[in-house]
Amino acid sequence: MAWVAADLTAIEKAIAKGILRVQLTGGSVEYRNMDDLIKARNLIKGTLDAEALTPAVRTTLAKFSKG
């Protein structure tokens, strides 16, 4: 699943309110306990942080002619 920043925000709001059911971009999830919710937050945060550090792919096109 591809996480987005809104998913992290939703998880963090749920943690702050003590709510175990979270509405994410892909649907609704109900966690068993707060520990599972915190693990999910850490997973999403780690994934988003890693994606932010990944450099963008650059493509260079060289054109030659016998001119």
N, C-alpha and C. Protein backbone atom coordinates (compact mmCIF):
# COMPACT_ATOMS: atom_id res chain seq x y z
N MET A 1 0.84 -1.17 0.00
CA MET A 1 0.00 0.00 0.00
C MET A 1 0.89 1.24 0.00
N ALA A 2 0.49 2.21 -0.77
CA ALA A 2 1.23 3.47 -0.81
C ALA A 2 0.64 4.42 0.23
N TRP A 3 1.45 4.84 1.16
CA TRP A 3 1.00 5.75 2.21
C TRP A 3 1.11 7.19 1.72
N VAL A 4 0.28 8.04 2.23
CA VAL A 4 0.35 9.47 1.95
C VAL A 4 0.38 10.21 3.29
N ALA A 5 0.76 11.48 3.24
CA ALA A 5 0.87 12.28 4.46
C ALA A 5 -0.45 12.34 5.23
N ALA A 6 -1.57 12.33 4.52
CA ALA A 6 -2.88 12.37 5.19
C ALA A 6 -3.10 11.13 6.07
N ASP A 7 -2.55 9.99 5.66
CA ASP A 7 -2.66 8.77 6.47
C ASP A 7 -1.92 8.94 7.80
N LEU A 8 -0.72 9.51 7.72
CA LEU A 8 0.05 9.75 8.94
C LEU A 8 -0.67 10.72 9.86
N THR A 9 -1.25 11.77 9.29
CA THR A 9 -2.00 12.75 10.07
C THR A 9 -3.19 12.09 10.76
N ALA A 10 -3.92 11.24 10.04
CA ALA A 10 -5.09 10.56 10.61
C ALA A 10 -4.68 9.65 11.77
N ILE A 11 -3.58 8.93 11.59
CA ILE A 11 -3.10 8.03 12.65
C ILE A 11 -2.69 8.84 13.89
N GLU A 12 -1.98 9.94 13.66
CA GLU A 12 -1.53 10.75 14.79
C GLU A 12 -2.71 11.38 15.54
N LYS A 13 -3.75 11.79 14.82
CA LYS A 13 -4.95 12.33 15.48
C LYS A 13 -5.65 11.25 16.30
N ALA A 14 -5.71 10.04 15.76
CA ALA A 14 -6.34 8.93 16.48
C ALA A 14 -5.58 8.62 17.76
N ILE A 15 -4.25 8.63 17.68
CA ILE A 15 -3.43 8.38 18.87
C ILE A 15 -3.70 9.46 19.92
N ALA A 16 -3.74 10.70 19.50
CA ALA A 16 -3.96 11.81 20.43
C ALA A 16 -5.32 11.71 21.11
N LYS A 17 -6.32 11.21 20.40
CA LYS A 17 -7.68 11.11 20.94
C LYS A 17 -7.96 9.76 21.60
N GLY A 18 -7.04 8.80 21.44
CA GLY A 18 -7.25 7.48 22.01
C GLY A 18 -8.27 6.65 21.25
N ILE A 19 -8.42 6.93 19.95
CA ILE A 19 -9.39 6.23 19.10
C ILE A 19 -8.67 5.13 18.33
N LEU A 20 -9.27 3.95 18.25
CA LEU A 20 -8.64 2.83 17.57
C LEU A 20 -9.10 2.66 16.12
N ARG A 21 -10.18 3.32 15.70
CA ARG A 21 -10.66 3.24 14.32
C ARG A 21 -10.19 4.48 13.58
N VAL A 22 -9.52 4.23 12.42
CA VAL A 22 -8.93 5.31 11.65
C VAL A 22 -9.41 5.24 10.21
N GLN A 23 -9.77 6.38 9.66
CA GLN A 23 -10.15 6.47 8.25
C GLN A 23 -8.92 6.88 7.45
N LEU A 24 -8.41 5.96 6.62
CA LEU A 24 -7.25 6.23 5.79
C LEU A 24 -7.69 6.42 4.34
N THR A 25 -6.77 6.77 3.46
CA THR A 25 -7.13 6.99 2.06
C THR A 25 -7.64 5.71 1.39
N GLY A 26 -7.17 4.56 1.86
CA GLY A 26 -7.58 3.29 1.28
C GLY A 26 -8.78 2.65 1.96
N GLY A 27 -9.33 3.28 2.99
CA GLY A 27 -10.46 2.72 3.71
C GLY A 27 -10.32 2.93 5.20
N SER A 28 -11.13 2.21 5.94
CA SER A 28 -11.15 2.34 7.39
C SER A 28 -10.45 1.14 8.03
N VAL A 29 -9.70 1.41 9.09
CA VAL A 29 -8.99 0.35 9.81
C VAL A 29 -9.29 0.49 11.30
N GLU A 30 -9.57 -0.64 11.95
CA GLU A 30 -9.73 -0.62 13.40
C GLU A 30 -8.61 -1.45 14.00
N TYR A 31 -7.80 -0.81 14.83
CA TYR A 31 -6.66 -1.47 15.45
C TYR A 31 -7.09 -2.14 16.74
N ARG A 32 -6.39 -3.20 17.14
CA ARG A 32 -6.74 -3.95 18.34
C ARG A 32 -6.45 -3.18 19.61
N ASN A 33 -5.34 -2.43 19.58
CA ASN A 33 -4.94 -1.69 20.78
C ASN A 33 -4.05 -0.51 20.38
N MET A 34 -3.72 0.30 21.34
CA MET A 34 -2.92 1.50 21.07
C MET A 34 -1.51 1.14 20.60
N ASP A 35 -0.96 0.03 21.08
CA ASP A 35 0.38 -0.39 20.63
C ASP A 35 0.38 -0.66 19.12
N ASP A 36 -0.65 -1.33 18.61
CA ASP A 36 -0.75 -1.58 17.17
C ASP A 36 -0.88 -0.28 16.39
N LEU A 37 -1.61 0.65 16.93
CA LEU A 37 -1.78 1.95 16.28
C LEU A 37 -0.45 2.70 16.22
N ILE A 38 0.31 2.65 17.28
CA ILE A 38 1.62 3.31 17.32
C ILE A 38 2.59 2.62 16.36
N LYS A 39 2.54 1.31 16.27
CA LYS A 39 3.38 0.58 15.31
C LYS A 39 3.03 0.99 13.88
N ALA A 40 1.74 1.14 13.60
CA ALA A 40 1.31 1.56 12.27
C ALA A 40 1.82 2.97 11.97
N ARG A 41 1.74 3.86 12.96
CA ARG A 41 2.26 5.22 12.79
C ARG A 41 3.74 5.20 12.46
N ASN A 42 4.50 4.39 13.19
CA ASN A 42 5.94 4.32 12.97
C ASN A 42 6.27 3.76 11.58
N LEU A 43 5.49 2.78 11.13
CA LEU A 43 5.69 2.21 9.81
C LEU A 43 5.41 3.25 8.72
N ILE A 44 4.29 3.95 8.85
CA ILE A 44 3.93 4.96 7.85
C ILE A 44 4.96 6.08 7.86
N LYS A 45 5.35 6.55 9.03
CA LYS A 45 6.32 7.64 9.14
C LYS A 45 7.66 7.23 8.54
N GLY A 46 8.11 6.03 8.84
CA GLY A 46 9.37 5.54 8.28
C GLY A 46 9.33 5.43 6.77
N THR A 47 8.20 4.97 6.25
CA THR A 47 8.05 4.84 4.79
C THR A 47 8.06 6.21 4.13
N LEU A 48 7.30 7.15 4.67
CA LEU A 48 7.25 8.49 4.09
C LEU A 48 8.60 9.19 4.19
N ASP A 49 9.30 9.01 5.31
CA ASP A 49 10.62 9.62 5.48
C ASP A 49 11.61 9.04 4.46
N ALA A 50 11.56 7.73 4.24
CA ALA A 50 12.47 7.10 3.28
C ALA A 50 12.18 7.57 1.86
N GLU A 51 10.91 7.73 1.53
CA GLU A 51 10.55 8.22 0.20
C GLU A 51 11.03 9.65 0.00
N ALA A 52 10.99 10.44 1.04
CA ALA A 52 11.43 11.84 0.94
C ALA A 52 12.94 11.92 0.72
N LEU A 53 13.69 10.94 1.21
CA LEU A 53 15.14 10.94 1.07
C LEU A 53 15.61 10.34 -0.25
N THR A 54 14.72 9.63 -0.95
CA THR A 54 15.08 9.00 -2.20
C THR A 54 15.24 10.06 -3.28
N PRO A 55 16.40 10.12 -3.92
CA PRO A 55 16.58 11.16 -4.95
C PRO A 55 15.70 10.90 -6.17
N ALA A 56 15.31 11.98 -6.81
CA ALA A 56 14.50 11.88 -8.02
C ALA A 56 15.35 11.28 -9.14
N VAL A 57 14.72 10.52 -9.99
CA VAL A 57 15.41 9.91 -11.13
C VAL A 57 15.51 10.95 -12.24
N ARG A 58 16.70 11.12 -12.77
CA ARG A 58 16.92 12.07 -13.86
C ARG A 58 17.27 11.29 -15.12
N THR A 59 16.74 11.73 -16.22
CA THR A 59 17.03 11.12 -17.51
C THR A 59 17.64 12.18 -18.41
N THR A 60 18.72 11.82 -19.09
CA THR A 60 19.36 12.72 -20.03
C THR A 60 19.31 12.08 -21.40
N LEU A 61 18.92 12.84 -22.38
CA LEU A 61 18.84 12.37 -23.75
C LEU A 61 19.92 13.07 -24.57
N ALA A 62 20.81 12.28 -25.15
CA ALA A 62 21.86 12.85 -26.00
C ALA A 62 21.45 12.68 -27.45
N LYS A 63 21.65 13.72 -28.24
CA LYS A 63 21.28 13.67 -29.65
C LYS A 63 22.53 13.93 -30.48
N PHE A 64 22.80 13.06 -31.42
CA PHE A 64 23.97 13.18 -32.27
C PHE A 64 23.53 13.29 -33.72
N SER A 65 24.33 14.01 -34.50
CA SER A 65 24.05 14.06 -35.93
C SER A 65 25.36 14.08 -36.68
N LYS A 66 25.35 13.60 -37.92
CA LYS A 66 26.57 13.54 -38.74
C LYS A 66 26.85 14.90 -39.38
N GLY A 67 25.99 15.83 -39.20
CA GLY A 67 25.96 17.18 -39.63
C GLY A 67 26.96 17.76 -40.42
